[in-house]
PDB file of N, CA and C in Angstrom:
ATOM      1  N   UNK A   1       1.825 -14.684  12.942  1.00  0.00           N
ATOM      2  CA  UNK A   1       0.032 -15.277  13.772  1.00  0.00           C
ATOM      3  C   UNK A   1      -0.942 -14.524  12.407  1.00  0.00           C
ATOM      4  N   UNK A   2      -0.790 -16.494  11.555  1.00  0.00           N
ATOM      5  CA  UNK A   2      -1.740 -16.228  10.294  1.00  0.00           C
ATOM      6  C   UNK A   2      -3.078 -16.109  10.386  1.00  0.00           C
ATOM      7  N   UNK A   3      -3.928 -15.492   9.722  1.00  0.00           N
ATOM      8  CA  UNK A   3      -5.764 -16.297   9.587  1.00  0.00           C
ATOM      9  C   UNK A   3      -5.943 -16.721   8.646  1.00  0.00           C
ATOM     10  N   UNK A   4      -6.434 -17.940   8.599  1.00  0.00           N
ATOM     11  CA  UNK A   4      -6.933 -18.445   7.625  1.00  0.00           C
ATOM     12  C   UNK A   4      -8.538 -17.747   7.137  1.00  0.00           C
ATOM     13  N   UNK A   5      -8.168 -18.143   6.161  1.00  0.00           N
ATOM     14  CA  UNK A   5     -10.263 -17.269   5.602  1.00  0.00           C
ATOM     15  C   UNK A   5     -10.484 -18.468   4.758  1.00  0.00           C
ATOM     16  N   UNK A   6     -11.995 -17.892   4.321  1.00  0.00           N
ATOM     17  CA  UNK A   6     -12.773 -18.761   3.006  1.00  0.00           C
ATOM     18  C   UNK A   6     -12.563 -17.554   1.908  1.00  0.00           C
ATOM     19  N   UNK A   7     -12.539 -17.367   0.647  1.00  0.00           N
ATOM     20  CA  UNK A   7     -12.769 -16.638   0.080  1.00  0.00           C
ATOM     21  C   UNK A   7     -14.477 -16.808  -1.064  1.00  0.00           C
ATOM     22  N   UNK A   8     -14.957 -15.763  -0.875  1.00  0.00           N
ATOM     23  CA  UNK A   8     -16.474 -16.150  -2.578  1.00  0.00           C
ATOM     24  C   UNK A   8     -15.588 -16.285  -3.585  1.00  0.00           C
ATOM     25  N   UNK A   9     -16.037 -17.731  -4.113  1.00  0.00           N
ATOM     26  CA  UNK A   9     -15.592 -17.765  -5.770  1.00  0.00           C
ATOM     27  C   UNK A   9     -16.337 -15.992  -6.808  1.00  0.00           C
ATOM     28  N   UNK A  10     -17.595 -16.362  -6.549  1.00  0.00           N
ATOM     29  CA  UNK A  10     -18.107 -14.972  -7.927  1.00  0.00           C
ATOM     30  C   UNK A  10     -17.760 -14.164  -6.343  1.00  0.00           C
ATOM     31  N   UNK A  11     -18.114 -14.024  -5.829  1.00  0.00           N
ATOM     32  CA  UNK A  11     -17.374 -12.130  -5.241  1.00  0.00           C
ATOM     33  C   UNK A  11     -16.030 -12.231  -5.516  1.00  0.00           C
ATOM     34  N   UNK A  12     -15.306 -12.896  -5.018  1.00  0.00           N
ATOM     35  CA  UNK A  12     -13.943 -12.375  -5.680  1.00  0.00           C
ATOM     36  C   UNK A  12     -13.945 -12.360  -7.312  1.00  0.00           C
ATOM     37  N   UNK A  13     -14.617 -12.791  -8.202  1.00  0.00           N
ATOM     38  CA  UNK A  13     -14.343 -12.150  -9.412  1.00  0.00           C
ATOM     39  C   UNK A  13     -15.125 -11.108  -9.042  1.00  0.00           C
ATOM     40  N   UNK A  14     -16.161 -11.315  -9.251  1.00  0.00           N
ATOM     41  CA  UNK A  14     -16.802  -9.511  -9.601  1.00  0.00           C
ATOM     42  C   UNK A  14     -15.985  -8.521  -9.193  1.00  0.00           C
ATOM     43  N   UNK A  15     -14.839  -8.472  -7.709  1.00  0.00           N
ATOM     44  CA  UNK A  15     -14.268  -7.590  -6.860  1.00  0.00           C
ATOM     45  C   UNK A  15     -13.144  -7.674  -8.654  1.00  0.00           C
ATOM     46  N   UNK A  16     -11.977  -8.414  -8.953  1.00  0.00           N
ATOM     47  CA  UNK A  16     -11.541  -8.600  -9.335  1.00  0.00           C
ATOM     48  C   UNK A  16     -11.857  -8.204 -11.037  1.00  0.00           C
ATOM     49  N   UNK A  17     -12.727  -8.381 -10.970  1.00  0.00           N
ATOM     50  CA  UNK A  17     -13.240  -7.394 -12.713  1.00  0.00           C
ATOM     51  C   UNK A  17     -13.290  -6.386 -12.556  1.00  0.00           C
ATOM     52  N   UNK A  18     -13.798  -5.762 -11.919  1.00  0.00           N
ATOM     53  CA  UNK A  18     -14.797  -4.498 -11.394  1.00  0.00           C
ATOM     54  C   UNK A  18     -13.028  -3.557 -11.015  1.00  0.00           C
ATOM     55  N   UNK A  19     -12.156  -3.981 -10.746  1.00  0.00           N
ATOM     56  CA  UNK A  19     -10.699  -3.450 -10.075  1.00  0.00           C
ATOM     57  C   UNK A  19      -9.580  -3.910 -10.714  1.00  0.00           C
ATOM     58  N   UNK A  20      -9.039  -4.657 -11.683  1.00  0.00           N
ATOM     59  CA  UNK A  20      -8.275  -4.982 -12.464  1.00  0.00           C
ATOM     60  C   UNK A  20      -8.427  -4.661 -14.109  1.00  0.00           C
ATOM     61  N   UNK A  21      -7.057  -4.244 -14.123  1.00  0.00           N
ATOM     62  CA  UNK A  21      -7.513  -4.737 -16.107  1.00  0.00           C
ATOM     63  C   UNK A  21      -7.732  -6.139 -17.030  1.00  0.00           C
ATOM     64  N   UNK A  22      -6.946  -7.356 -15.692  1.00  0.00           N
ATOM     65  CA  UNK A  22      -7.060  -8.391 -15.915  1.00  0.00           C
ATOM     66  C   UNK A  22      -7.765  -9.180 -15.812  1.00  0.00           C
ATOM     67  N   UNK A  23      -8.320  -8.670 -14.986  1.00  0.00           N
ATOM     68  CA  UNK A  23      -9.943  -9.474 -14.928  1.00  0.00           C
ATOM     69  C   UNK A  23     -10.597  -8.915 -15.588  1.00  0.00           C
ATOM     70  N   UNK A  24     -10.611  -7.839 -15.593  1.00  0.00           N
ATOM     71  CA  UNK A  24     -11.698  -7.157 -16.496  1.00  0.00           C
ATOM     72  C   UNK A  24     -11.837  -8.100 -18.579  1.00  0.00           C
ATOM     73  N   UNK A  25     -10.689  -7.985 -18.157  1.00  0.00           N
ATOM     74  CA  UNK A  25     -10.378  -8.252 -19.989  1.00  0.00           C
ATOM     75  C   UNK A  25     -10.972 -10.104 -20.017  1.00  0.00           C
ATOM     76  N   UNK A  26     -10.654 -10.632 -19.064  1.00  0.00           N
ATOM     77  CA  UNK A  26     -10.897 -12.737 -19.409  1.00  0.00           C
ATOM     78  C   UNK A  26     -11.832 -12.865 -19.277  1.00  0.00           C
ATOM     79  N   UNK A  27     -12.576 -11.159 -18.205  1.00  0.00           N
ATOM     80  CA  UNK A  27     -14.512 -11.271 -17.924  1.00  0.00           C
ATOM     81  C   UNK A  27     -15.151 -12.011 -19.266  1.00  0.00           C
ATOM     82  N   UNK A  28     -14.285 -10.167 -20.160  1.00  0.00           N
ATOM     83  CA  UNK A  28     -15.106  -9.939 -21.229  1.00  0.00           C
ATOM     84  C   UNK A  28     -14.782 -10.587 -21.904  1.00  0.00           C
ATOM     85  N   UNK A  29     -13.909 -11.711 -22.238  1.00  0.00           N
ATOM     86  CA  UNK A  29     -13.948 -12.924 -23.105  1.00  0.00           C
ATOM     87  C   UNK A  29     -14.670 -13.782 -23.171  1.00  0.00           C
ATOM     88  N   UNK A  30     -15.436 -14.049 -21.649  1.00  0.00           N
ATOM     89  CA  UNK A  30     -16.639 -14.756 -22.124  1.00  0.00           C
ATOM     90  C   UNK A  30     -17.691 -14.957 -22.579  1.00  0.00           C
ATOM     91  N   UNK A  31     -17.716 -13.176 -23.508  1.00  0.00           N
ATOM     92  CA  UNK A  31     -18.101 -13.282 -24.141  1.00  0.00           C
ATOM     93  C   UNK A  31     -18.511 -14.041 -25.537  1.00  0.00           C
ATOM     94  N   UNK A  32     -16.970 -13.929 -25.565  1.00  0.00           N
ATOM     95  CA  UNK A  32     -17.221 -14.316 -27.082  1.00  0.00           C
ATOM     96  C   UNK A  32     -17.322 -16.332 -27.173  1.00  0.00           C
ATOM     97  N   UNK A  33     -16.898 -16.818 -25.475  1.00  0.00           N
ATOM     98  CA  UNK A  33     -17.440 -17.712 -26.400  1.00  0.00           C
ATOM     99  C   UNK A  33     -19.670 -18.223 -26.258  1.00  0.00           C
ATOM    100  N   UNK A  34     -19.872 -16.629 -26.428  1.00  0.00           N
ATOM    101  CA  UNK A  34     -21.456 -16.884 -26.773  1.00  0.00           C
ATOM    102  C   UNK A  34     -21.898 -16.697 -27.628  1.00  0.00           C
ATOM    103  N   UNK A  35     -20.815 -15.808 -28.367  1.00  0.00           N
ATOM    104  CA  UNK A  35     -21.124 -14.945 -29.775  1.00  0.00           C
ATOM    105  C   UNK A  35     -20.247 -16.646 -31.287  1.00  0.00           C
ATOM    106  N   UNK A  36     -19.432 -16.579 -31.340  1.00  0.00           N
ATOM    107  CA  UNK A  36     -18.804 -17.390 -31.459  1.00  0.00           C
ATOM    108  C   UNK A  36     -19.536 -18.536 -31.821  1.00  0.00           C
ATOM    109  N   UNK A  37     -19.569 -20.093 -30.815  1.00  0.00           N
ATOM    110  CA  UNK A  37     -20.685 -20.898 -31.582  1.00  0.00           C
ATOM    111  C   UNK A  37     -21.616 -20.290 -32.615  1.00  0.00           C
ATOM    112  N   UNK A  38     -22.498 -19.448 -31.862  1.00  0.00           N
ATOM    113  CA  UNK A  38     -23.496 -19.378 -33.037  1.00  0.00           C
ATOM    114  C   UNK A  38     -23.104 -18.343 -34.131  1.00  0.00           C
ATOM    115  N   UNK A  39     -21.782 -18.242 -34.735  1.00  0.00           N
ATOM    116  CA  UNK A  39     -21.417 -17.697 -35.889  1.00  0.00           C
ATOM    117  C   UNK A  39     -21.122 -18.968 -36.252  1.00  0.00           C
ATOM    118  N   UNK A  40     -20.183 -20.199 -35.406  1.00  0.00           N
ATOM    119  CA  UNK A  40     -19.784 -21.151 -36.396  1.00  0.00           C
ATOM    120  C   UNK A  40     -21.225 -21.963 -37.245  1.00  0.00           C
ATOM    121  N   UNK A  41     -21.880 -22.498 -36.333  1.00  0.00           N
ATOM    122  CA  UNK A  41     -23.124 -22.490 -36.941  1.00  0.00           C
ATOM    123  C   UNK A  41     -23.776 -22.182 -37.734  1.00  0.00           C
ATOM    124  N   UNK A  42     -23.660 -20.461 -37.882  1.00  0.00           N
ATOM    125  CA  UNK A  42     -23.799 -20.165 -39.180  1.00  0.00           C
ATOM    126  C   UNK A  42     -23.236 -20.364 -40.299  1.00  0.00           C
ATOM    127  N   UNK A  43     -22.210 -20.744 -39.942  1.00  0.00           N
ATOM    128  CA  UNK A  43     -20.758 -21.425 -41.397  1.00  0.00           C
ATOM    129  C   UNK A  43     -21.049 -22.616 -41.245  1.00  0.00           C
ATOM    130  N   UNK A  44     -21.946 -23.375 -40.523  1.00  0.00           N
ATOM    131  CA  UNK A  44     -22.142 -24.806 -40.892  1.00  0.00           C
ATOM    132  C   UNK A  44     -21.172 -25.467 -40.303  1.00  0.00           C
ATOM    133  N   UNK A  45     -20.269 -25.460 -38.880  1.00  0.00           N
ATOM    134  CA  UNK A  45     -19.640 -25.586 -38.206  1.00  0.00           C
ATOM    135  C   UNK A  45     -19.511 -26.109 -37.361  1.00  0.00           C
ATOM    136  N   UNK A  46     -21.126 -27.415 -36.891  1.00  0.00           N
ATOM    137  CA  UNK A  46     -21.341 -27.468 -35.913  1.00  0.00           C
ATOM    138  C   UNK A  46     -20.658 -28.610 -34.906  1.00  0.00           C
ATOM    139  N   UNK A  47     -19.297 -29.199 -35.247  1.00  0.00           N
ATOM    140  CA  UNK A  47     -18.527 -30.054 -35.090  1.00  0.00           C
ATOM    141  C   UNK A  47     -17.714 -28.919 -33.975  1.00  0.00           C
ATOM    142  N   UNK A  48     -16.885 -27.913 -34.712  1.00  0.00           N
ATOM    143  CA  UNK A  48     -16.441 -26.675 -33.629  1.00  0.00           C
ATOM    144  C   UNK A  48     -17.278 -25.593 -33.196  1.00  0.00           C
ATOM    145  N   UNK A  49     -18.206 -25.281 -33.565  1.00  0.00           N
ATOM    146  CA  UNK A  49     -19.345 -24.567 -32.380  1.00  0.00           C
ATOM    147  C   UNK A  49     -19.220 -25.481 -31.339  1.00  0.00           C
ATOM    148  N   UNK A  50     -19.822 -26.670 -31.652  1.00  0.00           N
ATOM    149  CA  UNK A  50     -20.029 -27.416 -29.354  1.00  0.00           C
ATOM    150  C   UNK A  50     -18.475 -27.575 -28.979  1.00  0.00           C
ATOM    151  N   UNK A  51     -17.181 -27.439 -29.737  1.00  0.00           N
ATOM    152  CA  UNK A  51     -15.993 -27.582 -29.223  1.00  0.00           C
ATOM    153  C   UNK A  51     -15.532 -26.885 -28.159  1.00  0.00           C
ATOM    154  N   UNK A  52     -16.447 -25.180 -29.308  1.00  0.00           N
ATOM    155  CA  UNK A  52     -15.991 -23.931 -28.842  1.00  0.00           C
ATOM    156  C   UNK A  52     -17.171 -23.777 -27.353  1.00  0.00           C
ATOM    157  N   UNK A  53     -18.039 -24.117 -27.692  1.00  0.00           N
ATOM    158  CA  UNK A  53     -19.237 -24.263 -26.639  1.00  0.00           C
ATOM    159  C   UNK A  53     -18.727 -24.466 -24.912  1.00  0.00           C
ATOM    160  N   UNK A  54     -17.984 -26.411 -25.479  1.00  0.00           N
ATOM    161  CA  UNK A  54     -17.573 -27.213 -24.370  1.00  0.00           C
ATOM    162  C   UNK A  54     -16.871 -26.381 -23.582  1.00  0.00           C
ATOM    163  N   UNK A  55     -16.264 -25.045 -24.342  1.00  0.00           N
ATOM    164  CA  UNK A  55     -14.717 -25.185 -23.099  1.00  0.00           C
ATOM    165  C   UNK A  55     -14.890 -23.980 -22.349  1.00  0.00           C
ATOM    166  N   UNK A  56     -16.608 -23.228 -22.340  1.00  0.00           N
ATOM    167  CA  UNK A  56     -17.030 -22.722 -22.021  1.00  0.00           C
ATOM    168  C   UNK A  56     -17.033 -22.332 -20.219  1.00  0.00           C
ATOM    169  N   UNK A  57     -17.903 -23.961 -19.566  1.00  0.00           N
ATOM    170  CA  UNK A  57     -17.819 -24.110 -18.705  1.00  0.00           C
ATOM    171  C   UNK A  57     -16.035 -24.390 -18.024  1.00  0.00           C
ATOM    172  N   UNK A  58     -15.114 -24.900 -18.785  1.00  0.00           N
ATOM    173  CA  UNK A  58     -14.424 -24.896 -18.054  1.00  0.00           C
ATOM    174  C   UNK A  58     -12.959 -23.316 -17.954  1.00  0.00           C
ATOM    175  N   UNK A  59     -13.185 -22.648 -18.980  1.00  0.00           N
ATOM    176  CA  UNK A  59     -12.938 -21.356 -18.574  1.00  0.00           C
ATOM    177  C   UNK A  59     -13.463 -20.479 -18.084  1.00  0.00           C
ATOM    178  N   UNK A  60     -14.924 -20.278 -17.397  1.00  0.00           N
ATOM    179  CA  UNK A  60     -15.407 -19.808 -16.843  1.00  0.00           C
ATOM    180  C   UNK A  60     -15.282 -20.340 -14.998  1.00  0.00           C
ATOM    181  N   UNK A  61     -14.508 -21.841 -14.594  1.00  0.00           N
ATOM    182  CA  UNK A  61     -14.862 -22.480 -13.772  1.00  0.00           C
ATOM    183  C   UNK A  61     -12.431 -21.424 -13.583  1.00  0.00           C
ATOM    184  N   UNK A  62     -11.590 -21.445 -14.429  1.00  0.00           N
ATOM    185  CA  UNK A  62     -10.772 -21.011 -14.585  1.00  0.00           C
ATOM    186  C   UNK A  62     -10.691 -20.237 -14.100  1.00  0.00           C
ATOM    187  N   UNK A  63     -11.172 -19.228 -14.541  1.00  0.00           N
ATOM    188  CA  UNK A  63     -11.576 -17.276 -14.353  1.00  0.00           C
ATOM    189  C   UNK A  63     -11.700 -17.128 -12.386  1.00  0.00           C
ATOM    190  N   UNK A  64     -12.551 -18.215 -13.075  1.00  0.00           N
ATOM    191  CA  UNK A  64     -13.079 -17.727 -10.370  1.00  0.00           C
ATOM    192  C   UNK A  64     -11.708 -18.793  -9.558  1.00  0.00           C
ATOM    193  N   UNK A  65     -11.200 -19.929 -10.407  1.00  0.00           N
ATOM    194  CA  UNK A  65      -9.971 -19.552  -9.737  1.00  0.00           C
ATOM    195  C   UNK A  65      -9.186 -18.407  -9.451  1.00  0.00           C
ATOM    196  N   UNK A  66      -8.914 -18.569 -10.855  1.00  0.00           N
ATOM    197  CA  UNK A  66      -7.896 -17.096 -10.783  1.00  0.00           C
ATOM    198  C   UNK A  66      -8.206 -15.419  -9.971  1.00  0.00           C
ATOM    199  N   UNK A  67      -8.920 -15.148  -9.252  1.00  0.00           N
ATOM    200  CA  UNK A  67      -9.821 -14.467  -9.310  1.00  0.00           C
ATOM    201  C   UNK A  67      -9.994 -14.383  -7.991  1.00  0.00           C
ATOM    202  N   UNK A  68      -9.773 -15.924  -7.426  1.00  0.00           N
ATOM    203  CA  UNK A  68      -9.959 -15.658  -6.164  1.00  0.00           C
ATOM    204  C   UNK A  68      -8.071 -15.970  -5.294  1.00  0.00           C
ATOM    205  N   UNK A  69      -7.141 -16.750  -6.393  1.00  0.00           N
ATOM    206  CA  UNK A  69      -5.743 -16.252  -6.386  1.00  0.00           C
ATOM    207  C   UNK A  69      -5.443 -15.242  -7.164  1.00  0.00           C
ATOM    208  N   UNK A  70      -6.076 -14.595  -7.332  1.00  0.00           N
ATOM    209  CA  UNK A  70      -5.427 -13.286  -7.116  1.00  0.00           C
ATOM    210  C   UNK A  70      -5.703 -12.130  -5.476  1.00  0.00           C
ATOM    211  N   UNK A  71      -7.120 -12.287  -5.638  1.00  0.00           N
ATOM    212  CA  UNK A  71      -7.858 -11.565  -3.924  1.00  0.00           C
ATOM    213  C   UNK A  71      -7.436 -12.107  -3.124  1.00  0.00           C
ATOM    214  N   UNK A  72      -6.183 -13.256  -2.512  1.00  0.00           N
ATOM    215  CA  UNK A  72      -5.572 -14.113  -1.808  1.00  0.00           C
ATOM    216  C   UNK A  72      -4.185 -13.480  -2.224  1.00  0.00           C
ATOM    217  N   UNK A  73      -3.502 -12.517  -3.069  1.00  0.00           N
ATOM    218  CA  UNK A  73      -1.790 -12.210  -2.965  1.00  0.00           C
ATOM    219  C   UNK A  73      -2.780 -10.943  -2.823  1.00  0.00           C
ATOM    220  N   UNK A  74      -4.278 -10.341  -3.654  1.00  0.00           N
ATOM    221  CA  UNK A  74      -3.590  -8.944  -3.136  1.00  0.00           C
ATOM    222  C   UNK A  74      -4.142  -8.483  -0.943  1.00  0.00           C
ATOM    223  N   UNK A  75      -4.588 -10.349  -1.038  1.00  0.00           N
ATOM    224  CA  UNK A  75      -4.363  -9.746   1.060  1.00  0.00           C
ATOM    225  C   UNK A  75      -3.063  -9.578   1.858  1.00  0.00           C
ATOM    226  N   UNK A  76      -2.702 -10.571   0.831  1.00  0.00           N
ATOM    227  CA  UNK A  76      -0.485 -10.957   1.455  1.00  0.00           C
ATOM    228  C   UNK A  76      -0.017  -9.561   1.360  1.00  0.00           C
ATOM    229  N   UNK A  77       0.010  -9.011  -0.093  1.00  0.00           N
ATOM    230  CA  UNK A  77       0.114  -7.728  -0.161  1.00  0.00           C
ATOM    231  C   UNK A  77      -0.469  -6.607   0.481  1.00  0.00           C
ATOM    232  N   UNK A  78      -1.577  -6.570   1.035  1.00  0.00           N
ATOM    233  CA  UNK A  78      -1.778  -5.005   2.073  1.00  0.00           C
ATOM    234  C   UNK A  78      -3.198  -5.939   2.707  1.00  0.00           C
ATOM    235  N   UNK A  79      -2.421  -6.187   4.182  1.00  0.00           N
ATOM    236  CA  UNK A  79      -3.341  -6.847   4.746  1.00  0.00           C
ATOM    237  C   UNK A  79      -4.421  -6.196   6.408  1.00  0.00           C
ATOM    238  N   UNK A  80      -4.143  -5.064   5.276  1.00  0.00           N
ATOM    239  CA  UNK A  80      -4.976  -4.085   6.421  1.00  0.00           C
ATOM    240  C   UNK A  80      -5.962  -3.252   5.593  1.00  0.00           C
ATOM    241  N   UNK A  81      -5.967  -4.357   4.344  1.00  0.00           N
ATOM    242  CA  UNK A  81      -7.277  -4.267   3.422  1.00  0.00           C
ATOM    243  C   UNK A  81      -8.497  -5.353   4.233  1.00  0.00           C
ATOM    244  N   UNK A  82      -7.872  -6.525   4.552  1.00  0.00           N
ATOM    245  CA  UNK A  82      -8.575  -7.949   5.104  1.00  0.00           C
ATOM    246  C   UNK A  82     -10.460  -7.271   5.983  1.00  0.00           C
ATOM    247  N   UNK A  83     -10.413  -6.882   6.316  1.00  0.00           N
ATOM    248  CA  UNK A  83     -11.469  -5.342   6.387  1.00  0.00           C
ATOM    249  C   UNK A  83     -12.572  -5.966   6.418  1.00  0.00           C
ATOM    250  N   UNK A  84     -11.992  -5.033   5.193  1.00  0.00           N
ATOM    251  CA  UNK A  84     -13.108  -4.180   3.996  1.00  0.00           C
ATOM    252  C   UNK A  84     -13.536  -5.224   3.376  1.00  0.00           C
ATOM    253  N   UNK A  85     -12.632  -6.665   2.802  1.00  0.00           N
ATOM    254  CA  UNK A  85     -12.915  -7.622   2.259  1.00  0.00           C
ATOM    255  C   UNK A  85     -14.134  -8.548   3.383  1.00  0.00           C
ATOM    256  N   UNK A  86     -13.840  -8.779   4.335  1.00  0.00           N
ATOM    257  CA  UNK A  86     -14.682  -9.467   4.922  1.00  0.00           C
ATOM    258  C   UNK A  86     -16.151  -8.879   5.187  1.00  0.00           C
ATOM    259  N   UNK A  87     -16.831  -7.187   4.854  1.00  0.00           N
ATOM    260  CA  UNK A  87     -17.536  -6.466   5.167  1.00  0.00           C
ATOM    261  C   UNK A  87     -18.192  -5.749   4.214  1.00  0.00           C
ATOM    262  N   UNK A  88     -17.693  -7.092   2.345  1.00  0.00           N
ATOM    263  CA  UNK A  88     -18.268  -6.592   1.528  1.00  0.00           C
ATOM    264  C   UNK A  88     -18.278  -8.596   1.251  1.00  0.00           C
ATOM    265  N   UNK A  89     -18.544  -9.408   1.666  1.00  0.00           N
ATOM    266  CA  UNK A  89     -18.501 -10.801   1.744  1.00  0.00           C
ATOM    267  C   UNK A  89     -17.561 -10.867   0.542  1.00  0.00           C
ATOM    268  N   UNK A  90     -16.514 -11.185   0.320  1.00  0.00           N
ATOM    269  CA  UNK A  90     -15.168 -10.876  -0.633  1.00  0.00           C
ATOM    270  C   UNK A  90     -14.800 -12.851   0.473  1.00  0.00           C
ATOM    271  N   UNK A  91     -14.648 -12.462   1.571  1.00  0.00           N
ATOM    272  CA  UNK A  91     -14.268 -13.831   2.562  1.00  0.00           C
ATOM    273  C   UNK A  91     -14.453 -13.752   3.725  1.00  0.00           C
ATOM    274  N   UNK A  92     -14.373 -14.313   4.537  1.00  0.00           N
ATOM    275  CA  UNK A  92     -14.853 -15.039   5.200  1.00  0.00           C
ATOM    276  C   UNK A  92     -14.290 -15.148   6.678  1.00  0.00           C
ATOM    277  N   UNK A  93     -14.173 -15.019   7.417  1.00  0.00           N
ATOM    278  CA  UNK A  93     -13.039 -15.572   8.900  1.00  0.00           C
ATOM    279  C   UNK A  93     -13.403 -17.055   9.267  1.00  0.00           C
ATOM    280  N   UNK A  94     -11.646 -17.528   9.300  1.00  0.00           N
ATOM    281  CA  UNK A  94     -12.345 -18.804   9.525  1.00  0.00           C
ATOM    282  C   UNK A  94     -11.273 -19.273  10.761  1.00  0.00           C
ATOM    283  N   UNK A  95     -11.594 -19.495  11.917  1.00  0.00           N
ATOM    284  CA  UNK A  95     -11.693 -20.276  13.529  1.00  0.00           C
ATOM    285  C   UNK A  95     -10.241 -21.281  13.738  1.00  0.00           C
ATOM    286  N   UNK A  96      -9.927 -21.474  12.610  1.00  0.00           N
ATOM    287  CA  UNK A  96      -8.556 -21.910  13.344  1.00  0.00           C
ATOM    288  C   UNK A  96      -7.251 -20.683  12.452  1.00  0.00           C
ATOM    289  N   UNK A  97      -6.358 -21.285  13.418  1.00  0.00           N
ATOM    290  CA  UNK A  97      -5.431 -20.358  13.134  1.00  0.00           C
ATOM    291  C   UNK A  97      -4.194 -21.691  12.302  1.00  0.00           C
ATOM    292  N   UNK A  98      -3.637 -20.869  11.390  1.00  0.00           N
ATOM    293  CA  UNK A  98      -2.573 -21.313  10.791  1.00  0.00           C
ATOM    294  C   UNK A  98      -1.477 -21.584  11.539  1.00  0.00           C
TER     295      UNK A  98
END
């Protein structure tokens, strides 16, 4: 019998960024979505700048999705850490049973 839980995407992203190299790298790449469009504007590539900037939001949502999956996978491999994740606010218990 396993319990369902909800994962907070913001908290999961913070945990993923702080505990795994993949999370840190993918979160640091978000910085490029700010710097690259500015550089493209200075080079007069306005349309390309807009296109790169437009992908920032979908990329951010994708990174959060990956973070939630990473938390779920971590808890499947280490169920003993579930209480720590609840206390940190990363997950919240759901009353329903699977």
